[in-house]
Amino acid sequence: MSIIYGKRIRLRAVEREDVRKFHEWVNDPEVTAGLVMRVPLSLRDEEEWLERVSKADPNQKPLAIEIRKGKAWKLIGNCGAFGIDVVSRSSELGIMIGAKEEWNKGYGAEAMTLLLKHGFETLNLNRIFLRVYSENVRAVRSYEKAGFVLEGRMREAVYKHGKYDDVLIMSMLRSEWDTKIKETQ
């Protein structure tokens, strides 16, 4: 897969030098508040994660999210498709915008839109879904902006920060993507 370009961002393969920044982000409580992370991770943990995912199915490898800063690119997070079901043509997506100074600028929605395009138009998926904590209002808005539809709620499905939270299931179907693309042309 080549680099995937959007209007303001690009998605590229994760490189070894990205691991230090990922390590910083996955140990920041503000960044991980909306993630499944429960314990601090060592740099070695992150390096081992990269080793594992580098051996995975090429379609399920994580992608680095970068934004243009002058003539250079700045790493702000990562994302990817995983759990691809080749029979049902479905996959789950995940995203982390770790650079907090870049939050609330629409980069997450743009990254998700690029992932949707990749999933439907390159991987030939029929259904793409994600899970998000109901208290992560910023993320829910971002996913809605990208076109995801609320599909269901798993009540008090996660325990984090001393309390239970609902997990929302949001998805988009290929037919909805096709309609969205026709409306923007």
Protein backbone atom coordinates (compact mmCIF):
# COMPACT_ATOMS: atom_id res chain seq x y z
CA MET A 1 0.00 0.00 0.00
CA SER A 2 1.24 3.44 -0.80
CA ILE A 3 0.78 6.58 1.28
CA ILE A 4 -2.87 7.66 1.54
CA TYR A 5 -3.29 11.41 1.16
CA GLY A 6 -6.18 13.53 2.37
CA LYS A 7 -6.69 17.28 2.19
CA ARG A 8 -4.70 18.06 5.33
CA ILE A 9 -3.29 14.72 6.47
CA ARG A 10 -1.64 11.60 5.21
CA LEU A 11 -1.62 8.01 6.41
CA ARG A 12 1.66 6.14 6.02
CA ALA A 13 3.28 2.97 7.29
CA VAL A 14 4.45 3.05 10.91
CA GLU A 15 8.23 3.23 11.21
CA ARG A 16 10.52 2.21 14.08
CA GLU A 17 11.28 5.87 14.89
CA ASP A 18 7.55 6.45 15.58
CA VAL A 19 7.65 4.13 18.61
CA ARG A 20 9.12 6.72 21.01
CA LYS A 21 6.27 9.14 20.29
CA PHE A 22 3.66 6.35 20.58
CA HIS A 23 5.21 5.37 23.92
CA GLU A 24 4.86 8.95 25.15
CA TRP A 25 1.20 9.06 24.09
CA VAL A 26 0.12 5.69 25.52
CA ASN A 27 1.46 6.78 28.90
CA ASP A 28 -0.41 10.10 28.93
CA PRO A 29 -3.65 9.73 30.94
CA GLU A 30 -5.42 12.41 28.87
CA VAL A 31 -4.62 10.58 25.62
CA THR A 32 -5.58 7.15 26.95
CA ALA A 33 -8.79 8.28 28.67
CA GLY A 34 -10.75 7.11 25.62
CA LEU A 35 -8.65 4.01 24.94
CA VAL A 36 -8.61 0.51 26.40
CA MET A 37 -5.23 1.22 28.04
CA ARG A 38 -5.24 0.41 31.77
CA VAL A 39 -1.59 0.21 32.80
CA PRO A 40 1.58 2.11 31.86
CA LEU A 41 3.56 0.61 28.99
CA SER A 42 7.32 0.51 28.73
CA LEU A 43 9.26 1.49 25.65
CA ARG A 44 10.05 -2.20 25.27
CA ASP A 45 6.30 -2.98 25.30
CA GLU A 46 5.80 -0.56 22.41
CA GLU A 47 8.77 -2.00 20.51
CA GLU A 48 7.35 -5.51 20.95
CA TRP A 49 3.94 -4.25 19.74
CA LEU A 50 5.61 -2.92 16.58
CA GLU A 51 7.38 -6.25 16.04
CA ARG A 52 4.06 -8.13 16.36
CA VAL A 53 2.10 -5.87 14.03
CA SER A 54 4.89 -5.77 11.45
CA LYS A 55 4.34 -9.52 10.97
CA ALA A 56 0.56 -9.15 10.65
CA ASP A 57 -1.58 -9.22 7.53
CA PRO A 58 -0.49 -6.18 5.49
CA ASN A 59 -4.13 -4.99 5.35
CA GLN A 60 -4.26 -4.85 9.16
CA LYS A 61 -1.03 -3.00 9.89
CA PRO A 62 -1.40 0.30 11.75
CA LEU A 63 -0.88 3.56 9.91
CA ALA A 64 0.80 6.72 11.16
CA ILE A 65 -1.27 9.91 10.92
CA GLU A 66 0.70 12.98 9.86
CA ILE A 67 -0.21 16.60 9.17
CA ARG A 68 1.63 19.06 6.96
CA LYS A 69 3.73 21.58 8.91
CA GLY A 70 5.41 23.89 6.43
CA LYS A 71 7.43 21.67 4.12
CA ALA A 72 7.63 18.81 6.62
CA TRP A 73 5.17 16.28 8.04
CA LYS A 74 4.34 16.02 11.77
CA LEU A 75 3.29 12.74 13.38
CA ILE A 76 0.07 13.23 15.39
CA GLY A 77 -1.28 9.72 15.91
CA ASN A 78 -2.02 6.32 14.45
CA CYS A 79 -4.97 4.37 13.18
CA GLY A 80 -5.86 1.21 11.35
CA ALA A 81 -8.23 -1.58 10.44
CA PHE A 82 -8.09 -4.83 12.37
CA GLY A 83 -10.06 -8.01 12.84
CA ILE A 84 -10.85 -8.19 9.13
CA ASP A 85 -13.44 -10.88 8.45
CA VAL A 86 -12.86 -11.97 4.85
CA VAL A 87 -16.13 -13.89 4.60
CA SER A 88 -18.42 -11.12 5.91
CA ARG A 89 -16.16 -8.40 4.46
CA SER A 90 -16.13 -6.44 7.73
CA SER A 91 -13.51 -4.82 9.92
CA GLU A 92 -13.10 -2.76 13.06
CA LEU A 93 -11.23 0.55 13.05
CA GLY A 94 -9.18 2.16 15.77
CA ILE A 95 -7.55 5.57 16.11
CA MET A 96 -5.41 7.54 18.53
CA ILE A 97 -4.64 11.24 18.11
CA GLY A 98 -1.81 11.54 20.59
CA ALA A 99 -0.61 15.07 19.86
CA LYS A 100 -2.96 16.95 22.20
CA GLU A 101 -2.08 20.31 20.66
CA GLU A 102 -3.75 19.02 17.46
CA TRP A 103 -7.02 17.96 19.12
CA ASN A 104 -10.30 19.60 18.07
CA LYS A 105 -9.04 20.47 14.59
CA GLY A 106 -10.91 17.78 12.64
CA TYR A 107 -7.88 15.57 11.97
CA GLY A 108 -9.54 12.52 13.56
CA ALA A 109 -12.60 12.81 11.32
CA GLU A 110 -10.39 13.24 8.26
CA ALA A 111 -8.27 10.22 9.23
CA MET A 112 -11.42 8.13 9.70
CA THR A 113 -12.75 9.26 6.33
CA LEU A 114 -9.48 8.16 4.70
CA LEU A 115 -9.68 4.82 6.52
CA LEU A 116 -13.27 4.37 5.33
CA LYS A 117 -12.23 5.12 1.75
CA HIS A 118 -9.35 2.64 2.05
CA GLY A 119 -11.60 0.00 3.62
CA PHE A 120 -14.39 0.26 1.08
CA GLU A 121 -12.47 1.12 -2.08
CA THR A 122 -9.21 -0.79 -1.58
CA LEU A 123 -10.00 -3.64 0.82
CA ASN A 124 -13.51 -4.16 -0.62
CA LEU A 125 -15.18 -4.25 2.79
CA ASN A 126 -18.95 -4.12 3.21
CA ARG A 127 -19.19 -3.04 6.87
CA ILE A 128 -16.76 -1.03 8.97
CA PHE A 129 -17.37 -0.48 12.66
CA LEU A 130 -15.75 0.90 15.78
CA ARG A 131 -16.30 0.97 19.51
CA VAL A 132 -16.18 4.17 21.55
CA TYR A 133 -16.85 5.01 25.20
CA SER A 134 -20.07 7.00 25.54
CA GLU A 135 -18.29 9.60 27.68
CA ASN A 136 -15.82 10.30 24.85
CA VAL A 137 -18.11 12.92 23.33
CA ARG A 138 -15.36 14.49 21.19
CA ALA A 139 -14.65 11.14 19.51
CA VAL A 140 -18.35 10.38 18.97
CA ARG A 141 -18.79 13.74 17.21
CA SER A 142 -15.72 13.04 15.07
CA TYR A 143 -17.07 9.65 14.00
CA GLU A 144 -20.49 11.11 13.21
CA LYS A 145 -18.78 13.79 11.11
CA ALA A 146 -17.02 11.02 9.17
CA GLY A 147 -20.41 9.36 8.53
CA PHE A 148 -20.61 6.63 11.16
CA VAL A 149 -24.07 5.72 12.46
CA LEU A 150 -24.87 4.63 16.01
CA GLU A 151 -25.64 0.96 15.80
CA GLY A 152 -25.91 -0.07 19.43
CA ARG A 153 -24.92 0.41 23.04
CA MET A 154 -23.31 -2.08 25.38
CA ARG A 155 -24.43 -0.84 28.77
CA GLU A 156 -21.77 -0.46 31.48
CA ALA A 157 -19.47 -2.65 29.40
CA VAL A 158 -16.19 -1.09 30.51
CA TYR A 159 -14.76 -0.21 33.91
CA LYS A 160 -12.30 2.65 33.83
CA HIS A 161 -11.29 5.43 36.20
CA GLY A 162 -13.36 3.99 39.04
CA LYS A 163 -16.68 3.74 37.21
CA TYR A 164 -18.53 1.91 34.48
CA ASP A 165 -19.21 3.40 31.07
CA ASP A 166 -21.29 2.34 28.11
CA VAL A 167 -19.56 1.31 24.91
CA LEU A 168 -21.16 2.56 21.71
CA ILE A 169 -20.95 0.56 18.49
CA MET A 170 -20.88 2.79 15.41
CA SER A 171 -20.65 1.62 11.81
CA MET A 172 -20.89 2.46 8.16
CA LEU A 173 -22.01 0.17 5.35
CA ARG A 174 -20.64 0.15 1.82
CA SER A 175 -24.01 1.36 0.48
CA GLU A 176 -23.90 4.35 2.88
CA TRP A 177 -20.34 5.12 1.77
CA ASP A 178 -21.38 4.99 -1.90
CA THR A 179 -24.25 7.43 -1.18
CA LYS A 180 -21.92 9.75 0.74
CA ILE A 181 -19.41 9.81 -2.14
CA LYS A 182 -22.15 10.53 -4.73
CA GLU A 183 -23.41 13.45 -2.59
CA THR A 184 -19.95 15.03 -2.46
CA GLN A 185 -19.34 14.84 -6.22
